[in-house]
C-alpha atoms as a PDB file:
ATOM      1  CA  MET A   1      -0.804 -12.516   1.041  1.00  0.00           C
ATOM      2  CA  ILE A   2      -1.561 -14.485   4.186  1.00  0.00           C
ATOM      3  CA  ILE A   3      -0.306 -13.422   7.621  1.00  0.00           C
ATOM      4  CA  SER A   4      -1.168 -14.509  11.138  1.00  0.00           C
ATOM      5  CA  LEU A   5      -2.888 -11.650  12.983  1.00  0.00           C
ATOM      6  CA  ASN A   6      -3.464 -12.251  16.691  1.00  0.00           C
ATOM      7  CA  GLY A   7      -3.362 -16.001  16.033  1.00  0.00           C
ATOM      8  CA  GLN A   8      -5.819 -15.963  13.105  1.00  0.00           C
ATOM      9  CA  LYS A   9      -5.009 -16.316   9.401  1.00  0.00           C
ATOM     10  CA  GLU A  10      -5.760 -13.016   7.649  1.00  0.00           C
ATOM     11  CA  THR A  11      -5.184 -11.634   4.178  1.00  0.00           C
ATOM     12  CA  CYS A  12      -3.590  -8.277   3.423  1.00  0.00           C
ATOM     13  CA  ASP A  13      -2.096  -6.564   0.402  1.00  0.00           C
ATOM     14  CA  ASP A  14       1.351  -7.697  -0.728  1.00  0.00           C
ATOM     15  CA  GLY A  15       3.988  -5.508   0.899  1.00  0.00           C
ATOM     16  CA  ALA A  16       1.500  -3.814   3.227  1.00  0.00           C
ATOM     17  CA  THR A  17       3.012  -1.753   6.012  1.00  0.00           C
ATOM     18  CA  ILE A  18       1.970  -1.949   9.636  1.00  0.00           C
ATOM     19  CA  ALA A  19       0.452   1.534   9.241  1.00  0.00           C
ATOM     20  CA  ALA A  20      -1.662   0.340   6.296  1.00  0.00           C
ATOM     21  CA  LEU A  21      -2.797  -2.738   8.223  1.00  0.00           C
ATOM     22  CA  LEU A  22      -3.877  -0.579  11.179  1.00  0.00           C
ATOM     23  CA  GLU A  23      -5.659   1.884   8.889  1.00  0.00           C
ATOM     24  CA  ASP A  24      -7.440  -0.931   7.056  1.00  0.00           C
ATOM     25  CA  ARG A  25      -8.747  -2.241  10.370  1.00  0.00           C
ATOM     26  CA  LYS A  26      -9.582   1.278  11.649  1.00  0.00           C
ATOM     27  CA  ILE A  27      -7.193   1.052  14.602  1.00  0.00           C
ATOM     28  CA  ARG A  28      -5.528   4.248  15.815  1.00  0.00           C
ATOM     29  CA  PRO A  29      -1.750   3.661  16.042  1.00  0.00           C
ATOM     30  CA  GLU A  30      -1.482   5.358  19.430  1.00  0.00           C
ATOM     31  CA  MET A  31      -3.924   2.828  20.919  1.00  0.00           C
ATOM     32  CA  VAL A  32      -1.880  -0.295  20.178  1.00  0.00           C
ATOM     33  CA  SER A  33       1.616  -1.718  20.215  1.00  0.00           C
ATOM     34  CA  VAL A  34       2.553  -4.039  17.375  1.00  0.00           C
ATOM     35  CA  GLU A  35       4.740  -7.109  17.472  1.00  0.00           C
ATOM     36  CA  VAL A  36       5.975  -8.751  14.262  1.00  0.00           C
ATOM     37  CA  ASN A  37       7.604 -12.166  14.510  1.00  0.00           C
ATOM     38  CA  ASP A  38       8.126 -11.724  18.280  1.00  0.00           C
ATOM     39  CA  ALA A  39       9.754  -8.278  17.963  1.00  0.00           C
ATOM     40  CA  ILE A  40       8.057  -5.085  19.176  1.00  0.00           C
ATOM     41  CA  ILE A  41       8.052  -2.458  16.417  1.00  0.00           C
ATOM     42  CA  GLU A  42       8.619   1.180  17.359  1.00  0.00           C
ATOM     43  CA  ARG A  43       5.520   3.280  16.676  1.00  0.00           C
ATOM     44  CA  GLY A  44       7.566   5.690  14.536  1.00  0.00           C
ATOM     45  CA  ARG A  45       8.421   2.847  12.143  1.00  0.00           C
ATOM     46  CA  TYR A  46       4.872   1.618  11.434  1.00  0.00           C
ATOM     47  CA  ASP A  47       4.908   3.235   7.995  1.00  0.00           C
ATOM     48  CA  GLN A  48       8.334   1.747   7.143  1.00  0.00           C
ATOM     49  CA  VAL A  49       7.980  -1.899   8.172  1.00  0.00           C
ATOM     50  CA  ARG A  50       6.583  -3.991   5.322  1.00  0.00           C
ATOM     51  CA  LEU A  51       4.931  -7.294   6.072  1.00  0.00           C
ATOM     52  CA  LYS A  52       5.841 -10.513   4.292  1.00  0.00           C
ATOM     53  CA  GLU A  53       3.930 -13.708   3.568  1.00  0.00           C
ATOM     54  CA  GLY A  54       3.669 -15.800   6.718  1.00  0.00           C
ATOM     55  CA  ASP A  55       4.562 -13.018   9.177  1.00  0.00           C
ATOM     56  CA  SER A  56       3.083 -13.318  12.649  1.00  0.00           C
ATOM     57  CA  VAL A  57       1.579  -9.998  13.772  1.00  0.00           C
ATOM     58  CA  GLU A  58       0.168  -9.294  17.216  1.00  0.00           C
ATOM     59  CA  PHE A  59      -1.764  -6.173  18.189  1.00  0.00           C
ATOM     60  CA  LEU A  60      -1.176  -5.537  21.876  1.00  0.00           C
ATOM     61  CA  TYR A  61      -3.783  -3.414  23.643  1.00  0.00           C
ATOM     62  CA  PHE A  62      -3.148  -1.957  27.065  1.00  0.00           C
ATOM     63  CA  MET A  63      -6.020  -1.652  29.481  1.00  0.00           C
ATOM     64  CA  GLY A  64      -6.109   0.614  32.500  1.00  0.00           C
ATOM     65  CA  GLY A  65      -8.066   0.141  35.633  1.00  0.00           C
ATOM     66  CA  GLY A  66      -7.985  -1.604  38.925  1.00  0.00           C
ATOM     67  CA  SER A  67      -7.283  -0.124  42.288  1.00  0.00           C
END
């Protein structure tokens, strides 16, 4: 199926979970927050939330630094 991932069209397995999408892209869940269709998903639900055709997914990375 086709989803929008960080503004780019991407393919993933039908019914893939957020956890599966992160694993497929070798991203550690504790390093990113995930937003699906403008809603932040709780980290503990990544293995429960299934993606659907046309979903908009954003991986949000937090950077430290500055003074």
